[in-house]
Structures are given as C-alpha cells and as structure tokens.
Amino acid sequence: MSLRSAPSLPRHVRIQYDPVRQAFAVLSPEKVFWPNEISLDILRRCDGRSTVERIIADIAADYDSDPEDVAADVIAFLQEWSDKLLVKL
C-alpha cells in the first residue's frame, strides 16, 4: 500500500445501519463487523477516489490531530481490513 492508493469497498461489502442496535454494521458474506466510530469514518472514505494520504488528512482534521500522529493507525487499519478482504487497496 502507498499513500497514493485509493482504497474502496469490494462489491460484497456494505455498510448498513442496524436500527435494533442503533449502530452501523459492515456486512460481507457470512460476516458482520461492528466498527467503532473512527473505523467507520475511515471506511466511509474508502470510495476508490480518496487516496490514503487524503483519508489520513481528513481523519486528522476531523479529530483535530496531527496527520503524522494518525497515519500509522489509519494505514494499519486499512492493511488489516485489506487482509480480511473487506477493503480493496
């Protein structure tokens, strides 16, 4: 993965609101994930147009943090979800 990669969600993955739990779930075949707020913010930016660098900058701005402080966490998250086939890099 590079900072110029533009991650996206594969066709088989979608984000859906669950009114019973009042939370968003990430659905894939035979799997359901319940991401926390920051994870959900990252996943929503995985649109195939926003680069990893842009996602890091946006997350840092939203949470009033230095991009250098969040970069490693965002990259690790994207790599982990890519390894699970939930994000395409």
Protein backbone atom coordinates (compact mmCIF):
# COMPACT_ATOMS: atom_id res chain seq x y z
CA MET A 1 0.00 0.00 0.00
CA SER A 2 1.18 3.50 -0.74
CA LEU A 3 -0.11 6.92 0.25
CA ARG A 4 -1.38 7.23 -3.33
CA SER A 5 -3.50 4.07 -3.12
CA ALA A 6 -7.24 4.77 -3.35
CA PRO A 7 -8.96 2.15 -1.20
CA SER A 8 -12.53 1.05 -1.88
CA LEU A 9 -15.02 -1.41 -0.51
CA PRO A 10 -15.43 -4.55 -2.62
CA ARG A 11 -18.85 -5.26 -4.12
CA HIS A 12 -19.56 -7.89 -1.48
CA VAL A 13 -19.04 -5.43 1.42
CA ARG A 14 -21.51 -2.78 2.51
CA ILE A 15 -22.15 -0.52 5.44
CA GLN A 16 -25.66 -0.69 6.83
CA TYR A 17 -27.40 0.88 9.79
CA ASP A 18 -28.98 -1.57 12.24
CA PRO A 19 -31.94 0.15 13.93
CA VAL A 20 -32.19 -2.52 16.64
CA ARG A 21 -28.61 -1.96 17.84
CA GLN A 22 -28.65 1.68 16.75
CA ALA A 23 -25.24 1.18 15.19
CA PHE A 24 -23.64 0.74 11.79
CA ALA A 25 -22.52 -2.71 10.72
CA VAL A 26 -20.14 -3.73 7.97
CA LEU A 27 -21.68 -6.68 6.15
CA SER A 28 -19.89 -9.21 4.00
CA PRO A 29 -20.93 -12.73 3.07
CA GLU A 30 -21.45 -14.68 6.28
CA LYS A 31 -19.71 -12.00 8.39
CA VAL A 32 -20.82 -8.94 10.31
CA PHE A 33 -18.44 -6.42 11.84
CA TRP A 34 -19.35 -3.66 14.28
CA PRO A 35 -16.77 -0.90 13.71
CA ASN A 36 -16.19 1.88 16.20
CA GLU A 37 -16.75 5.50 15.19
CA ILE A 38 -13.23 6.15 13.88
CA SER A 39 -13.13 2.89 11.93
CA LEU A 40 -16.47 3.78 10.36
CA ASP A 41 -15.13 7.22 9.43
CA ILE A 42 -12.18 5.59 7.66
CA LEU A 43 -14.37 3.04 5.86
CA ARG A 44 -16.77 5.70 4.61
CA ARG A 45 -13.83 7.41 2.93
CA CYS A 46 -12.88 4.23 1.05
CA ASP A 47 -14.65 5.32 -2.12
CA GLY A 48 -11.98 4.47 -4.70
CA ARG A 49 -11.28 8.18 -5.27
CA SER A 50 -9.79 9.33 -1.96
CA THR A 51 -6.15 8.39 -1.51
CA VAL A 52 -4.73 7.02 1.71
CA GLU A 53 -2.94 10.36 2.12
CA ARG A 54 -6.27 12.24 1.77
CA ILE A 55 -8.01 9.87 4.22
CA ILE A 56 -5.25 10.47 6.78
CA ALA A 57 -5.51 14.25 6.34
CA ASP A 58 -9.31 14.19 6.63
CA ILE A 59 -9.31 11.98 9.73
CA ALA A 60 -6.65 14.17 11.35
CA ALA A 61 -8.70 17.28 10.60
CA ASP A 62 -11.94 15.74 11.89
CA TYR A 63 -10.32 14.68 15.16
CA ASP A 64 -8.11 17.78 15.50
CA SER A 65 -4.91 15.72 15.37
CA ASP A 66 -1.60 15.92 13.58
CA PRO A 67 -1.64 13.78 10.38
CA GLU A 68 1.66 12.21 11.43
CA ASP A 69 0.02 11.03 14.66
CA VAL A 70 -2.83 9.21 12.89
CA ALA A 71 -1.03 7.98 9.76
CA ALA A 72 0.30 4.73 11.23
CA ASP A 73 -3.08 3.82 12.73
CA VAL A 74 -5.00 4.54 9.52
CA ILE A 75 -2.51 2.56 7.43
CA ALA A 76 -2.56 -0.36 9.87
CA PHE A 77 -6.37 -0.36 9.89
CA LEU A 78 -6.60 -0.32 6.09
CA GLN A 79 -4.00 -3.10 5.80
CA GLU A 80 -5.80 -5.25 8.38
CA TRP A 81 -9.15 -4.84 6.62
CA SER A 82 -7.50 -5.48 3.28
CA ASP A 83 -6.04 -8.71 4.64
CA LYS A 84 -9.61 -9.70 5.62
CA LEU A 85 -10.75 -8.87 2.04
CA LEU A 86 -13.01 -6.10 3.33
CA VAL A 87 -11.11 -3.23 1.67
CA LYS A 88 -9.51 -3.18 -1.79
CA LEU A 89 -6.21 -1.32 -1.98
